[in-house]
Amino acid sequence: YNFIPSGIGFPRIGKSVTVYPNPASNRIFIRTETSVVGNSLRIVDFSGRAVFSCVTNKPFMEICTDTWATGLYTVIVNDGEEQSVSQLLIRR
């Protein structure tokens, strides 16, 4: 079988973070509620290697994904007490 995902939709991480488009190719956008500003944001590839990390400093972020390999990534937002996780597909 050859499985080719055609879309994952617009995943919501918890109630306060949205990652789009998904699947993505050259860039992604992350929108957060104001209360999430200051949280840790990390994106890891399938092998667990971090490809992006930061502390959120504004409610809207644009992240360039040009150099990321095609594949499945995990978006992790951590507020120190809880961790929210979502999947992201990079497709060329």
Protein backbone atom coordinates (compact mmCIF):
# COMPACT_ATOMS: atom_id res chain seq x y z
CA TYR A 1 0.00 0.00 0.00
CA ASN A 2 1.06 3.55 -0.69
CA PHE A 3 -0.47 5.96 1.79
CA ILE A 4 -0.46 9.61 0.77
CA PRO A 5 -2.09 11.92 3.32
CA SER A 6 -4.14 14.61 1.65
CA GLY A 7 -4.76 16.74 4.73
CA ILE A 8 -4.65 16.84 8.46
CA GLY A 9 -6.82 19.90 8.94
CA PHE A 10 -6.14 22.73 11.33
CA PRO A 11 -5.02 21.09 14.56
CA ARG A 12 -5.73 22.81 17.85
CA ILE A 13 -3.28 22.31 20.65
CA GLY A 14 -5.30 22.39 23.82
CA LYS A 15 -7.67 25.33 23.66
CA SER A 16 -5.19 28.09 22.97
CA VAL A 17 -2.83 27.28 20.05
CA THR A 18 -3.56 26.76 16.34
CA VAL A 19 -0.99 25.53 13.78
CA TYR A 20 -1.72 26.04 10.06
CA PRO A 21 -1.61 25.21 7.20
CA ASN A 22 -1.37 21.48 7.73
CA PRO A 23 0.05 19.94 5.64
CA ALA A 24 2.55 22.74 5.03
CA SER A 25 5.44 23.22 2.64
CA ASN A 26 7.47 26.44 3.08
CA ARG A 27 6.10 28.03 6.25
CA ILE A 28 3.70 27.52 9.10
CA PHE A 29 1.77 29.96 11.23
CA ILE A 30 1.16 29.52 14.93
CA ARG A 31 -1.56 31.56 16.59
CA THR A 32 -1.89 31.59 20.37
CA GLU A 33 -4.12 33.24 22.90
CA THR A 34 -2.44 35.99 24.90
CA SER A 35 -2.33 33.76 27.99
CA VAL A 36 0.03 31.36 26.16
CA VAL A 37 2.68 34.03 25.51
CA GLY A 38 5.78 33.10 27.52
CA ASN A 39 5.35 29.34 27.10
CA SER A 40 7.96 27.05 25.60
CA LEU A 41 7.36 26.01 21.96
CA ARG A 42 9.32 23.14 20.43
CA ILE A 43 8.99 21.34 17.10
CA VAL A 44 10.69 17.96 16.71
CA ASP A 45 11.07 15.67 13.71
CA PHE A 46 10.16 11.99 13.57
CA SER A 47 13.50 10.98 15.11
CA GLY A 48 12.97 13.33 18.08
CA ARG A 49 15.51 15.95 16.93
CA ALA A 50 14.44 19.52 17.69
CA VAL A 51 14.18 21.56 14.48
CA PHE A 52 12.76 24.67 16.17
CA SER A 53 12.42 25.96 19.72
CA CYS A 54 11.63 29.27 21.35
CA VAL A 55 9.70 30.96 24.11
CA THR A 56 6.52 32.42 22.65
CA ASN A 57 6.76 36.20 22.80
CA LYS A 58 3.74 37.21 20.73
CA PRO A 59 0.35 35.69 19.88
CA PHE A 60 1.15 35.16 16.17
CA MET A 61 4.29 33.55 14.75
CA GLU A 62 5.45 32.66 11.26
CA ILE A 63 8.05 29.89 11.04
CA CYS A 64 10.00 29.13 7.87
CA THR A 65 10.11 25.40 7.12
CA ASP A 66 12.09 25.59 3.82
CA THR A 67 15.01 23.60 5.20
CA TRP A 68 12.96 20.91 6.95
CA ALA A 69 12.71 17.49 5.36
CA THR A 70 9.38 16.16 4.17
CA GLY A 71 7.74 14.21 6.96
CA LEU A 72 5.81 14.24 10.19
CA TYR A 73 6.71 16.67 13.00
CA THR A 74 5.46 17.11 16.54
CA VAL A 75 4.59 20.56 17.89
CA ILE A 76 4.96 20.76 21.68
CA VAL A 77 3.80 23.66 23.83
CA ASN A 78 4.77 23.52 27.51
CA ASP A 79 3.62 25.97 30.17
CA GLY A 80 5.67 24.40 32.97
CA GLU A 81 2.77 22.35 34.27
CA GLU A 82 1.06 20.91 31.19
CA GLN A 83 2.31 19.88 27.80
CA SER A 84 0.13 20.08 24.68
CA VAL A 85 1.08 18.13 21.55
CA SER A 86 -0.02 18.22 17.92
CA GLN A 87 1.20 16.68 14.67
CA LEU A 88 2.35 18.66 11.63
CA LEU A 89 3.00 17.29 8.14
CA ILE A 90 5.61 18.93 5.90
CA ARG A 91 5.03 18.03 2.26
CA ARG A 92 6.75 19.32 -0.86
